[in-house]
C-alpha atoms as a PDB file:
ATOM      1  CA  MET A   1      24.271  -8.231   3.265  1.00  0.00           C
ATOM      2  CA  ILE A   2      26.358 -11.181   2.081  1.00  0.00           C
ATOM      3  CA  THR A   3      24.780 -14.594   1.536  1.00  0.00           C
ATOM      4  CA  CYS A   4      27.138 -17.498   0.895  1.00  0.00           C
ATOM      5  CA  TYR A   5      26.061 -20.731  -0.767  1.00  0.00           C
ATOM      6  CA  ASN A   6      28.478 -23.534   0.096  1.00  0.00           C
ATOM      7  CA  PHE A   7      28.668 -26.872  -1.736  1.00  0.00           C
ATOM      8  CA  GLU A   8      29.143 -29.491   0.985  1.00  0.00           C
ATOM      9  CA  ALA A   9      28.516 -33.254   0.754  1.00  0.00           C
ATOM     10  CA  ASP A  10      26.426 -33.036  -2.422  1.00  0.00           C
ATOM     11  CA  ALA A  11      24.223 -30.394  -0.812  1.00  0.00           C
ATOM     12  CA  ILE A  12      24.007 -26.622  -0.830  1.00  0.00           C
ATOM     13  CA  GLN A  13      24.189 -24.897   2.527  1.00  0.00           C
ATOM     14  CA  TYR A  14      23.730 -21.166   2.797  1.00  0.00           C
ATOM     15  CA  ARG A  15      24.323 -18.629   5.518  1.00  0.00           C
ATOM     16  CA  GLN A  16      24.535 -14.879   5.881  1.00  0.00           C
ATOM     17  CA  LEU A  17      27.835 -13.341   6.890  1.00  0.00           C
ATOM     18  CA  GLU A  18      27.986 -10.638   9.505  1.00  0.00           C
ATOM     19  CA  GLY A  19      30.528  -7.837   9.324  1.00  0.00           C
ATOM     20  CA  GLN A  20      33.929  -9.108   8.204  1.00  0.00           C
ATOM     21  CA  GLU A  21      33.188 -12.765   8.908  1.00  0.00           C
ATOM     22  CA  PRO A  22      35.478 -14.981   6.790  1.00  0.00           C
ATOM     23  CA  LEU A  23      34.210 -16.877   3.775  1.00  0.00           C
ATOM     24  CA  SER A  24      34.058 -20.646   3.687  1.00  0.00           C
ATOM     25  CA  PRO A  25      36.557 -22.299   1.311  1.00  0.00           C
ATOM     26  CA  LYS A  26      33.595 -24.263  -0.067  1.00  0.00           C
ATOM     27  CA  SER A  27      31.664 -21.129  -1.039  1.00  0.00           C
ATOM     28  CA  ILE A  28      30.521 -21.468  -4.636  1.00  0.00           C
ATOM     29  CA  TRP A  29      28.090 -18.547  -4.913  1.00  0.00           C
ATOM     30  CA  ILE A  30      28.482 -15.293  -2.997  1.00  0.00           C
ATOM     31  CA  ASP A  31      25.421 -13.070  -3.305  1.00  0.00           C
ATOM     32  CA  ILE A  32      26.089  -9.483  -2.174  1.00  0.00           C
ATOM     33  CA  LEU A  33      23.079  -7.230  -1.608  1.00  0.00           C
ATOM     34  CA  ASN A  34      23.493  -3.526  -0.771  1.00  0.00           C
ATOM     35  CA  PRO A  35      27.009  -4.013   0.624  1.00  0.00           C
ATOM     36  CA  THR A  36      28.616  -1.683   3.110  1.00  0.00           C
ATOM     37  CA  GLN A  37      32.150  -0.445   2.597  1.00  0.00           C
ATOM     38  CA  ASP A  38      33.433  -2.878   5.250  1.00  0.00           C
ATOM     39  CA  GLU A  39      31.755  -5.801   3.503  1.00  0.00           C
ATOM     40  CA  GLU A  40      33.251  -4.826   0.148  1.00  0.00           C
ATOM     41  CA  GLU A  41      36.727  -4.518   1.656  1.00  0.00           C
ATOM     42  CA  SER A  42      36.348  -7.878   3.401  1.00  0.00           C
ATOM     43  CA  ILE A  43      35.444  -9.675   0.166  1.00  0.00           C
ATOM     44  CA  GLU A  44      38.233  -7.942  -1.739  1.00  0.00           C
ATOM     45  CA  GLN A  45      40.851  -8.941   0.834  1.00  0.00           C
ATOM     46  CA  GLN A  46      39.717 -12.550   1.140  1.00  0.00           C
ATOM     47  CA  LEU A  47      39.376 -13.224  -2.598  1.00  0.00           C
ATOM     48  CA  ASN A  48      42.053 -10.804  -3.804  1.00  0.00           C
ATOM     49  CA  ILE A  49      39.728  -9.193  -6.323  1.00  0.00           C
ATOM     50  CA  GLN A  50      38.285  -5.748  -6.914  1.00  0.00           C
ATOM     51  CA  ILE A  51      34.601  -5.178  -6.128  1.00  0.00           C
ATOM     52  CA  PRO A  52      33.288  -2.289  -8.275  1.00  0.00           C
ATOM     53  CA  THR A  53      31.484   0.558  -6.543  1.00  0.00           C
ATOM     54  CA  ARG A  54      28.067   1.820  -7.663  1.00  0.00           C
ATOM     55  CA  GLU A  55      29.746   4.604  -9.640  1.00  0.00           C
ATOM     56  CA  GLU A  56      32.080   2.110 -11.323  1.00  0.00           C
ATOM     57  CA  ILE A  57      29.132  -0.162 -12.100  1.00  0.00           C
ATOM     58  CA  TRP A  58      27.379   2.725 -13.836  1.00  0.00           C
ATOM     59  CA  LYS A  59      30.518   3.538 -15.848  1.00  0.00           C
ATOM     60  CA  ASN A  60      30.954  -0.107 -16.820  1.00  0.00           C
ATOM     61  CA  GLU A  61      27.308  -0.259 -17.888  1.00  0.00           C
ATOM     62  CA  VAL A  62      27.896   2.633 -20.267  1.00  0.00           C
ATOM     63  CA  LEU A  63      31.456   1.934 -21.437  1.00  0.00           C
ATOM     64  CA  ASN A  64      32.446  -1.698 -20.916  1.00  0.00           C
ATOM     65  CA  ARG A  65      29.939  -4.216 -19.648  1.00  0.00           C
ATOM     66  CA  PHE A  66      32.152  -7.290 -20.070  1.00  0.00           C
ATOM     67  CA  TYR A  67      35.845  -7.587 -19.397  1.00  0.00           C
ATOM     68  CA  GLU A  68      38.468  -9.902 -17.907  1.00  0.00           C
ATOM     69  CA  GLN A  69      40.994  -8.998 -15.233  1.00  0.00           C
ATOM     70  CA  ASP A  70      43.550 -11.415 -13.734  1.00  0.00           C
ATOM     71  CA  GLY A  71      41.558 -14.472 -14.796  1.00  0.00           C
ATOM     72  CA  VAL A  72      38.314 -13.125 -13.335  1.00  0.00           C
ATOM     73  CA  TYR A  73      35.431 -12.173 -15.625  1.00  0.00           C
ATOM     74  CA  TYR A  74      33.250  -9.144 -14.923  1.00  0.00           C
ATOM     75  CA  MET A  75      29.795  -8.904 -16.490  1.00  0.00           C
ATOM     76  CA  THR A  76      26.909  -6.460 -16.196  1.00  0.00           C
ATOM     77  CA  LEU A  77      23.271  -7.490 -16.502  1.00  0.00           C
ATOM     78  CA  ALA A  78      20.163  -5.281 -16.735  1.00  0.00           C
ATOM     79  CA  ILE A  79      17.184  -6.635 -14.778  1.00  0.00           C
ATOM     80  CA  ILE A  80      13.654  -5.243 -14.636  1.00  0.00           C
ATOM     81  CA  THR A  81      12.255  -4.434 -11.202  1.00  0.00           C
ATOM     82  CA  LYS A  82       9.041  -2.945  -9.811  1.00  0.00           C
ATOM     83  CA  VAL A  83       6.977  -4.452 -12.617  1.00  0.00           C
ATOM     84  CA  ASP A  84       3.818  -4.360 -10.489  1.00  0.00           C
ATOM     85  CA  THR A  85       4.148  -0.586  -9.991  1.00  0.00           C
ATOM     86  CA  PRO A  86       3.154   2.206 -12.410  1.00  0.00           C
ATOM     87  CA  TYR A  87       6.838   2.931 -13.064  1.00  0.00           C
ATOM     88  CA  PRO A  88       8.962  -0.199 -13.661  1.00  0.00           C
ATOM     89  CA  GLN A  89      12.711   0.270 -13.570  1.00  0.00           C
ATOM     90  CA  THR A  90      15.790  -1.342 -15.063  1.00  0.00           C
ATOM     91  CA  SER A  91      18.610  -1.887 -12.595  1.00  0.00           C
ATOM     92  CA  THR A  92      22.104  -3.261 -12.992  1.00  0.00           C
ATOM     93  CA  VAL A  93      23.513  -6.449 -11.481  1.00  0.00           C
ATOM     94  CA  THR A  94      27.259  -7.069 -11.596  1.00  0.00           C
ATOM     95  CA  ILE A  95      28.423 -10.663 -12.060  1.00  0.00           C
ATOM     96  CA  ILE A  96      31.964 -11.716 -11.181  1.00  0.00           C
ATOM     97  CA  LEU A  97      32.945 -15.198 -12.339  1.00  0.00           C
ATOM     98  CA  SER A  98      36.111 -17.150 -11.639  1.00  0.00           C
ATOM     99  CA  LYS A  99      36.978 -20.848 -11.801  1.00  0.00           C
ATOM    100  CA  THR A 100      36.032 -21.462  -8.173  1.00  0.00           C
ATOM    101  CA  TYR A 101      33.302 -18.980  -7.256  1.00  0.00           C
ATOM    102  CA  LEU A 102      30.511 -16.784  -8.570  1.00  0.00           C
ATOM    103  CA  ILE A 103      29.793 -13.344  -7.108  1.00  0.00           C
ATOM    104  CA  THR A 104      26.634 -11.363  -7.777  1.00  0.00           C
ATOM    105  CA  LEU A 105      26.617  -7.742  -6.677  1.00  0.00           C
ATOM    106  CA  ARG A 106      23.219  -6.072  -6.654  1.00  0.00           C
ATOM    107  CA  TYR A 107      21.239  -3.264  -5.092  1.00  0.00           C
ATOM    108  CA  ILE A 108      17.817  -4.672  -5.911  1.00  0.00           C
ATOM    109  CA  THR A 109      15.779  -7.721  -4.883  1.00  0.00           C
ATOM    110  CA  PRO A 110      14.454  -9.278  -8.106  1.00  0.00           C
ATOM    111  CA  THR A 111      12.161 -12.279  -7.870  1.00  0.00           C
ATOM    112  CA  SER A 112      14.439 -14.311 -10.124  1.00  0.00           C
ATOM    113  CA  PHE A 113      17.208 -14.424  -7.500  1.00  0.00           C
ATOM    114  CA  ASN A 114      14.895 -15.699  -4.771  1.00  0.00           C
ATOM    115  CA  ASN A 115      13.393 -18.301  -7.105  1.00  0.00           C
ATOM    116  CA  PHE A 116      16.778 -19.558  -8.215  1.00  0.00           C
ATOM    117  CA  ALA A 117      18.104 -19.723  -4.648  1.00  0.00           C
ATOM    118  CA  ALA A 118      15.217 -22.036  -3.721  1.00  0.00           C
ATOM    119  CA  ARG A 119      15.813 -24.094  -6.857  1.00  0.00           C
ATOM    120  CA  LEU A 120      19.537 -24.328  -6.117  1.00  0.00           C
ATOM    121  CA  ILE A 121      18.945 -25.742  -2.653  1.00  0.00           C
ATOM    122  CA  LYS A 122      16.465 -28.342  -3.962  1.00  0.00           C
ATOM    123  CA  LYS A 123      18.699 -29.555  -6.826  1.00  0.00           C
ATOM    124  CA  PRO A 124      22.317 -29.020  -5.732  1.00  0.00           C
ATOM    125  CA  LYS A 125      23.829 -31.728  -7.968  1.00  0.00           C
ATOM    126  CA  LYS A 126      22.565 -29.962 -11.070  1.00  0.00           C
ATOM    127  CA  PHE A 127      24.546 -26.843 -10.135  1.00  0.00           C
ATOM    128  CA  ASN A 128      27.825 -28.222  -8.830  1.00  0.00           C
ATOM    129  CA  THR A 129      30.040 -25.579 -10.480  1.00  0.00           C
ATOM    130  CA  CYS A 130      29.936 -21.811 -10.439  1.00  0.00           C
ATOM    131  CA  SER A 131      29.445 -21.717 -14.228  1.00  0.00           C
ATOM    132  CA  LYS A 132      26.394 -23.969 -13.994  1.00  0.00           C
ATOM    133  CA  ILE A 133      25.042 -21.763 -11.214  1.00  0.00           C
ATOM    134  CA  LEU A 134      25.385 -18.733 -13.473  1.00  0.00           C
ATOM    135  CA  GLU A 135      23.678 -20.622 -16.307  1.00  0.00           C
ATOM    136  CA  GLY A 136      20.795 -21.540 -13.993  1.00  0.00           C
ATOM    137  CA  LEU A 137      20.527 -17.988 -12.690  1.00  0.00           C
ATOM    138  CA  LEU A 138      20.387 -16.593 -16.223  1.00  0.00           C
ATOM    139  CA  GLU A 139      17.712 -19.145 -17.093  1.00  0.00           C
ATOM    140  CA  GLU A 140      15.605 -17.912 -14.179  1.00  0.00           C
ATOM    141  CA  VAL A 141      16.124 -14.289 -15.232  1.00  0.00           C
ATOM    142  CA  ILE A 142      14.980 -15.128 -18.767  1.00  0.00           C
ATOM    143  CA  THR A 143      11.927 -16.888 -17.335  1.00  0.00           C
ATOM    144  CA  ARG A 144      10.990 -13.726 -15.446  1.00  0.00           C
ATOM    145  CA  VAL A 145      11.485 -11.637 -18.581  1.00  0.00           C
ATOM    146  CA  ALA A 146       9.133 -14.000 -20.424  1.00  0.00           C
ATOM    147  CA  HIS A 147       6.626 -13.595 -17.590  1.00  0.00           C
ATOM    148  CA  ASN A 148       6.848  -9.816 -17.922  1.00  0.00           C
ATOM    149  CA  ALA A 149       6.285 -10.124 -21.668  1.00  0.00           C
ATOM    150  CA  GLU A 150       3.141 -12.168 -20.979  1.00  0.00           C
ATOM    151  CA  ILE A 151       1.915  -9.347 -18.748  1.00  0.00           C
ATOM    152  CA  VAL A 152       2.241  -6.966 -21.694  1.00  0.00           C
ATOM    153  CA  VAL A 153       0.460  -9.455 -23.981  1.00  0.00           C
ATOM    154  CA  GLY A 154      -2.479  -9.800 -21.591  1.00  0.00           C
ATOM    155  CA  GLU A 155      -2.758  -6.054 -21.069  1.00  0.00           C
ATOM    156  CA  LEU A 156      -2.701  -5.376 -24.814  1.00  0.00           C
ATOM    157  CA  ASP A 157      -5.458  -7.936 -25.377  1.00  0.00           C
ATOM    158  CA  ASN A 158      -7.653  -6.150 -22.835  1.00  0.00           C
ATOM    159  CA  LEU A 159      -6.887  -2.762 -24.358  1.00  0.00           C
ATOM    160  CA  SER A 160      -7.652  -4.083 -27.831  1.00  0.00           C
ATOM    161  CA  HIS A 161     -11.094  -5.142 -26.626  1.00  0.00           C
ATOM    162  CA  GLN A 162     -11.611  -1.696 -25.119  1.00  0.00           C
ATOM    163  CA  VAL A 163     -10.687   0.106 -28.325  1.00  0.00           C
ATOM    164  CA  PHE A 164     -12.605  -2.089 -30.753  1.00  0.00           C
ATOM    165  CA  GLY A 165     -15.320  -3.334 -28.392  1.00  0.00           C
ATOM    166  CA  THR A 166     -19.009  -2.841 -29.188  1.00  0.00           C
ATOM    167  CA  HIS A 167     -19.527  -0.714 -26.069  1.00  0.00           C
ATOM    168  CA  VAL A 168     -17.361   2.037 -27.586  1.00  0.00           C
ATOM    169  CA  LEU A 169     -19.455   2.066 -30.745  1.00  0.00           C
ATOM    170  CA  ASN A 170     -22.668   1.930 -28.706  1.00  0.00           C
ATOM    171  CA  ASN A 171     -21.571   4.945 -26.683  1.00  0.00           C
ATOM    172  CA  ALA A 172     -20.836   6.764 -29.912  1.00  0.00           C
ATOM    173  CA  ARG A 173     -24.261   5.917 -31.349  1.00  0.00           C
ATOM    174  CA  LYS A 174     -25.965   6.994 -28.131  1.00  0.00           C
ATOM    175  CA  LYS A 175     -23.888  10.187 -28.202  1.00  0.00           C
ATOM    176  CA  LYS A 176     -22.287   9.397 -24.834  1.00  0.00           C
ATOM    177  CA  ALA A 177     -19.155  11.196 -25.922  1.00  0.00           C
ATOM    178  CA  ALA A 178     -17.894  11.864 -22.395  1.00  0.00           C
ATOM    179  CA  THR A 179     -17.957   8.171 -21.418  1.00  0.00           C
ATOM    180  CA  SER A 180     -16.291   7.053 -24.627  1.00  0.00           C
ATOM    181  CA  SER A 181     -13.641   9.802 -24.602  1.00  0.00           C
ATOM    182  CA  GLU A 182     -12.644   9.145 -20.985  1.00  0.00           C
ATOM    183  CA  MET A 183     -12.357   5.442 -21.745  1.00  0.00           C
ATOM    184  CA  LEU A 184     -10.134   6.141 -24.737  1.00  0.00           C
ATOM    185  CA  LYS A 185      -7.961   8.537 -22.721  1.00  0.00           C
ATOM    186  CA  ASP A 186      -7.468   5.842 -20.074  1.00  0.00           C
ATOM    187  CA  THR A 187      -6.593   3.434 -22.869  1.00  0.00           C
ATOM    188  CA  LEU A 188      -3.871   5.791 -24.110  1.00  0.00           C
ATOM    189  CA  LYS A 189      -2.384   5.992 -20.606  1.00  0.00           C
ATOM    190  CA  SER A 190      -2.386   2.198 -20.311  1.00  0.00           C
ATOM    191  CA  LEU A 191      -0.752   1.888 -23.728  1.00  0.00           C
ATOM    192  CA  GLY A 192       1.971   4.257 -22.573  1.00  0.00           C
ATOM    193  CA  LYS A 193       2.652   2.031 -19.552  1.00  0.00           C
ATOM    194  CA  CYS A 194       2.784  -1.046 -21.785  1.00  0.00           C
ATOM    195  CA  ALA A 195       5.212   0.705 -24.121  1.00  0.00           C
ATOM    196  CA  ASP A 196       7.437   1.648 -21.186  1.00  0.00           C
ATOM    197  CA  LEU A 197       7.503  -1.904 -19.815  1.00  0.00           C
ATOM    198  CA  ASN A 198       8.039  -3.377 -23.274  1.00  0.00           C
ATOM    199  CA  SER A 199      11.008  -1.080 -23.918  1.00  0.00           C
ATOM    200  CA  LYS A 200      12.573  -2.151 -20.616  1.00  0.00           C
ATOM    201  CA  ILE A 201      12.024  -5.789 -21.564  1.00  0.00           C
ATOM    202  CA  GLY A 202      13.871  -5.115 -24.816  1.00  0.00           C
ATOM    203  CA  GLU A 203      16.713  -3.455 -22.916  1.00  0.00           C
ATOM    204  CA  SER A 204      16.990  -6.422 -20.549  1.00  0.00           C
ATOM    205  CA  LEU A 205      16.953  -8.899 -23.449  1.00  0.00           C
ATOM    206  CA  HIS A 206      19.693  -6.963 -25.246  1.00  0.00           C
ATOM    207  CA  SER A 207      21.794  -7.121 -22.088  1.00  0.00           C
ATOM    208  CA  LEU A 208      21.127 -10.856 -21.745  1.00  0.00           C
ATOM    209  CA  GLN A 209      22.069 -11.517 -25.360  1.00  0.00           C
ATOM    210  CA  ARG A 210      25.416  -9.772 -25.001  1.00  0.00           C
ATOM    211  CA  LEU A 211      26.127 -11.510 -21.693  1.00  0.00           C
ATOM    212  CA  LEU A 212      25.309 -14.934 -23.146  1.00  0.00           C
ATOM    213  CA  ASN A 213      27.608 -14.303 -26.104  1.00  0.00           C
ATOM    214  CA  PHE A 214      30.420 -13.377 -23.718  1.00  0.00           C
ATOM    215  CA  PHE A 215      29.616 -16.348 -21.466  1.00  0.00           C
ATOM    216  CA  CYS A 216      29.695 -18.697 -24.464  1.00  0.00           C
ATOM    217  CA  GLN A 217      33.134 -17.409 -25.473  1.00  0.00           C
ATOM    218  CA  ILE A 218      34.443 -18.116 -21.978  1.00  0.00           C
ATOM    219  CA  HIS A 219      33.184 -21.719 -21.913  1.00  0.00           C
ATOM    220  CA  GLY A 220      33.297 -22.586 -25.580  1.00  0.00           C
ATOM    221  CA  GLY A 221      35.088 -25.885 -24.914  1.00  0.00           C
ATOM    222  CA  LYS A 222      32.494 -27.374 -22.557  1.00  0.00           C
ATOM    223  CA  LYS A 223      29.878 -28.933 -24.814  1.00  0.00           C
ATOM    224  CA  ASP A 224      27.177 -29.510 -22.193  1.00  0.00           C
ATOM    225  CA  LEU A 225      27.388 -25.956 -20.894  1.00  0.00           C
ATOM    226  CA  GLU A 226      27.696 -24.546 -24.403  1.00  0.00           C
ATOM    227  CA  ALA A 227      24.529 -26.401 -25.435  1.00  0.00           C
ATOM    228  CA  ALA A 228      22.650 -24.985 -22.441  1.00  0.00           C
ATOM    229  CA  ILE A 229      23.841 -21.473 -23.285  1.00  0.00           C
ATOM    230  CA  GLN A 230      22.711 -21.883 -26.894  1.00  0.00           C
ATOM    231  CA  ILE A 231      19.229 -22.848 -25.678  1.00  0.00           C
ATOM    232  CA  LEU A 232      19.139 -19.682 -23.588  1.00  0.00           C
ATOM    233  CA  GLN A 233      20.282 -17.656 -26.596  1.00  0.00           C
ATOM    234  CA  THR A 234      17.434 -19.143 -28.637  1.00  0.00           C
ATOM    235  CA  ASP A 235      14.952 -18.178 -25.916  1.00  0.00           C
ATOM    236  CA  VAL A 236      16.302 -14.633 -25.791  1.00  0.00           C
ATOM    237  CA  HIS A 237      16.087 -14.337 -29.579  1.00  0.00           C
ATOM    238  CA  ALA A 238      12.462 -15.540 -29.552  1.00  0.00           C
ATOM    239  CA  LEU A 239      11.575 -13.091 -26.780  1.00  0.00           C
ATOM    240  CA  SER A 240      13.265 -10.276 -28.700  1.00  0.00           C
ATOM    241  CA  GLN A 241      11.087 -11.035 -31.713  1.00  0.00           C
ATOM    242  CA  GLN A 242       8.018 -11.060 -29.481  1.00  0.00           C
ATOM    243  CA  THR A 243       9.038  -7.702 -28.033  1.00  0.00           C
ATOM    244  CA  HIS A 244       9.315  -6.275 -31.554  1.00  0.00           C
ATOM    245  CA  PHE A 245       5.846  -7.624 -32.387  1.00  0.00           C
ATOM    246  CA  LEU A 246       4.403  -6.137 -29.190  1.00  0.00           C
ATOM    247  CA  SER A 247       5.970  -2.789 -30.035  1.00  0.00           C
ATOM    248  CA  ASN A 248       4.211  -2.812 -33.407  1.00  0.00           C
ATOM    249  CA  LYS A 249       0.935  -3.782 -31.755  1.00  0.00           C
ATOM    250  CA  ILE A 250       1.265  -0.937 -29.252  1.00  0.00           C
ATOM    251  CA  ASN A 251       1.812   1.534 -32.092  1.00  0.00           C
ATOM    252  CA  PHE A 252      -1.209   0.140 -33.942  1.00  0.00           C
ATOM    253  CA  LEU A 253      -3.446   0.440 -30.870  1.00  0.00           C
ATOM    254  CA  GLN A 254      -2.212   3.972 -30.222  1.00  0.00           C
ATOM    255  CA  ASP A 255      -3.083   4.988 -33.783  1.00  0.00           C
ATOM    256  CA  ALA A 256      -6.464   3.278 -33.507  1.00  0.00           C
ATOM    257  CA  THR A 257      -7.222   4.983 -30.182  1.00  0.00           C
ATOM    258  CA  LEU A 258      -6.305   8.398 -31.555  1.00  0.00           C
ATOM    259  CA  GLY A 259      -8.497   7.646 -34.561  1.00  0.00           C
ATOM    260  CA  MET A 260     -11.423   6.824 -32.263  1.00  0.00           C
ATOM    261  CA  ILE A 261     -10.898  10.080 -30.382  1.00  0.00           C
ATOM    262  CA  ASN A 262     -10.900  11.983 -33.688  1.00  0.00           C
ATOM    263  CA  ILE A 263     -14.167  10.280 -34.630  1.00  0.00           C
ATOM    264  CA  GLU A 264     -15.703  11.388 -31.325  1.00  0.00           C
ATOM    265  CA  GLN A 265     -14.567  14.960 -31.891  1.00  0.00           C
ATOM    266  CA  ASN A 266     -15.866  14.944 -35.464  1.00  0.00           C
ATOM    267  CA  MET A 267     -19.264  13.758 -34.237  1.00  0.00           C
ATOM    268  CA  ILE A 268     -19.445  16.658 -31.773  1.00  0.00           C
ATOM    269  CA  ILE A 269     -18.418  19.150 -34.465  1.00  0.00           C
ATOM    270  CA  LYS A 270     -21.052  17.642 -36.762  1.00  0.00           C
ATOM    271  CA  ILE A 271     -23.766  18.208 -34.139  1.00  0.00           C
ATOM    272  CA  PHE A 272     -22.777  21.846 -33.663  1.00  0.00           C
ATOM    273  CA  SER A 273     -22.648  22.345 -37.432  1.00  0.00           C
ATOM    274  CA  VAL A 274     -26.174  20.935 -37.839  1.00  0.00           C
ATOM    275  CA  MET A 275     -27.447  23.161 -35.035  1.00  0.00           C
ATOM    276  CA  ALA A 276     -25.850  26.221 -36.656  1.00  0.00           C
ATOM    277  CA  VAL A 277     -27.482  25.402 -39.994  1.00  0.00           C
ATOM    278  CA  PHE A 278     -30.816  24.759 -38.253  1.00  0.00           C
ATOM    279  CA  PHE A 279     -30.865  28.213 -36.672  1.00  0.00           C
ATOM    280  CA  LEU A 280     -29.446  29.995 -39.717  1.00  0.00           C
ATOM    281  CA  PRO A 281     -32.800  30.780 -41.495  1.00  0.00           C
ATOM    282  CA  PRO A 282     -34.471  32.279 -38.384  1.00  0.00           C
ATOM    283  CA  THR A 283     -31.324  34.300 -37.699  1.00  0.00           C
ATOM    284  CA  LEU A 284     -31.289  35.556 -41.294  1.00  0.00           C
ATOM    285  CA  LEU A 285     -34.970  36.570 -41.173  1.00  0.00           C
ATOM    286  CA  SER A 286     -34.566  38.332 -37.839  1.00  0.00           C
ATOM    287  CA  SER A 287     -31.569  40.216 -39.212  1.00  0.00           C
ATOM    288  CA  ILE A 288     -33.602  41.453 -42.202  1.00  0.00           C
ATOM    289  CA  TYR A 289     -36.926  42.273 -40.565  1.00  0.00           C
ATOM    290  CA  GLY A 290     -36.069  42.657 -36.892  1.00  0.00           C
ATOM    291  CA  MET A 291     -36.918  46.056 -35.298  1.00  0.00           C
ATOM    292  CA  ASN A 292     -38.338  47.292 -38.623  1.00  0.00           C
ATOM    293  CA  PHE A 293     -42.024  47.226 -37.664  1.00  0.00           C
ATOM    294  CA  LYS A 294     -43.960  50.198 -36.310  1.00  0.00           C
ATOM    295  CA  HIS A 295     -46.452  48.281 -34.172  1.00  0.00           C
ATOM    296  CA  MET A 296     -44.476  46.121 -31.698  1.00  0.00           C
ATOM    297  CA  PRO A 297     -46.328  45.496 -28.375  1.00  0.00           C
ATOM    298  CA  GLU A 298     -43.098  44.667 -26.530  1.00  0.00           C
ATOM    299  CA  LEU A 299     -41.850  48.265 -27.022  1.00  0.00           C
ATOM    300  CA  GLU A 300     -44.503  49.468 -24.579  1.00  0.00           C
ATOM    301  CA  TRP A 301     -43.826  46.667 -22.077  1.00  0.00           C
ATOM    302  CA  THR A 302     -42.184  47.966 -18.910  1.00  0.00           C
ATOM    303  CA  LEU A 303     -40.609  44.603 -17.987  1.00  0.00           C
ATOM    304  CA  GLY A 304     -39.605  43.756 -21.549  1.00  0.00           C
ATOM    305  CA  TYR A 305     -35.922  44.620 -21.156  1.00  0.00           C
ATOM    306  CA  PRO A 306     -35.248  42.644 -17.923  1.00  0.00           C
ATOM    307  CA  TYR A 307     -37.372  39.797 -19.318  1.00  0.00           C
ATOM    308  CA  ALA A 308     -35.234  39.634 -22.457  1.00  0.00           C
ATOM    309  CA  LEU A 309     -32.009  39.667 -20.423  1.00  0.00           C
ATOM    310  CA  SER A 310     -33.328  36.943 -18.127  1.00  0.00           C
ATOM    311  CA  LEU A 311     -34.429  34.852 -21.095  1.00  0.00           C
ATOM    312  CA  MET A 312     -30.943  35.081 -22.639  1.00  0.00           C
ATOM    313  CA  VAL A 313     -29.301  34.017 -19.378  1.00  0.00           C
ATOM    314  CA  VAL A 314     -31.702  31.097 -18.932  1.00  0.00           C
ATOM    315  CA  CYS A 315     -31.152  29.935 -22.519  1.00  0.00           C
ATOM    316  CA  ALA A 316     -27.389  30.083 -22.062  1.00  0.00           C
ATOM    317  CA  ILE A 317     -27.566  28.076 -18.809  1.00  0.00           C
ATOM    318  CA  LEU A 318     -29.904  25.462 -20.287  1.00  0.00           C
ATOM    319  CA  SER A 319     -27.672  25.072 -23.337  1.00  0.00           C
ATOM    320  CA  TYR A 320     -24.608  24.666 -21.130  1.00  0.00           C
ATOM    321  CA  VAL A 321     -26.306  22.028 -18.955  1.00  0.00           C
ATOM    322  CA  TYR A 322     -27.589  20.144 -22.002  1.00  0.00           C
ATOM    323  CA  PHE A 323     -24.197  20.105 -23.705  1.00  0.00           C
ATOM    324  CA  LEU A 324     -22.519  19.090 -20.455  1.00  0.00           C
ATOM    325  CA  ARG A 325     -24.849  16.128 -19.943  1.00  0.00           C
ATOM    326  CA  LYS A 326     -24.272  15.020 -23.501  1.00  0.00           C
ATOM    327  CA  GLY A 327     -20.534  15.164 -22.956  1.00  0.00           C
ATOM    328  CA  TRP A 328     -19.909  17.710 -25.656  1.00  0.00           C
ATOM    329  CA  LEU A 329     -18.000  20.071 -23.354  1.00  0.00           C
END
């Protein structure tokens, strides 16, 4: 799907092209989403440029994210998607910038693109060149990254309350080991998700920092645009520092959670140790004097043997149920 944003009469008009429909000469931003081979060939022929395939995008992401070819600049940007799912992903967006148009090639639908498209239509005079459109788009991407970082901050605050909250200590005092241990296990899983999202935020910020440096080199002579890029670079740097802080906090909470789990296990071992010491004297006495007496009424009892077996089974079952209810098993 190809969406063209045309700058006409101090306003932005957009429309979606079908098949090999020609581009408008006033097209300033061409947004390509999941293009077919015919759509790629149509854009290449009309603009006399090369649209990279998905395989070429992946190679460029690994080898060369930013390069210039025949006066056209190619850039690769990593954007986080599926943040509201258990498994967020980092996907690549290719940006092609020339003096007259901006092309974005993507296979994802990030919120930042939709938000910026609405903003572009409302304030067309602010984005009257393709470079300013790219600057505004990057600003929206950074805003979404900051929003994702706030999600991690909020989640870590909740997890911190779970780890160090009074209910955990109360469960430990009341010997509700099962409740406390399950809560701590869930906390570890949530910390793992936060660490995954935070690492992807760091990856996206690293990509943004490199792209902004390259973008600044391209437009180093335009003071207004250069100033806007420097503001974005400052925001990215601040977010990178926050990501580093969140990474340290995640590690701290992981260590604290594992420490709480060790405390729970030590309490259970302590209980079993006390029980073993409690039954040690009777066991010692029975080992010394057991079966060493001549007059033992139970020896003449016909049902003594099955009674003893039944008593052992009942004791084992009762012990198992008691330990299970206490959460020691």
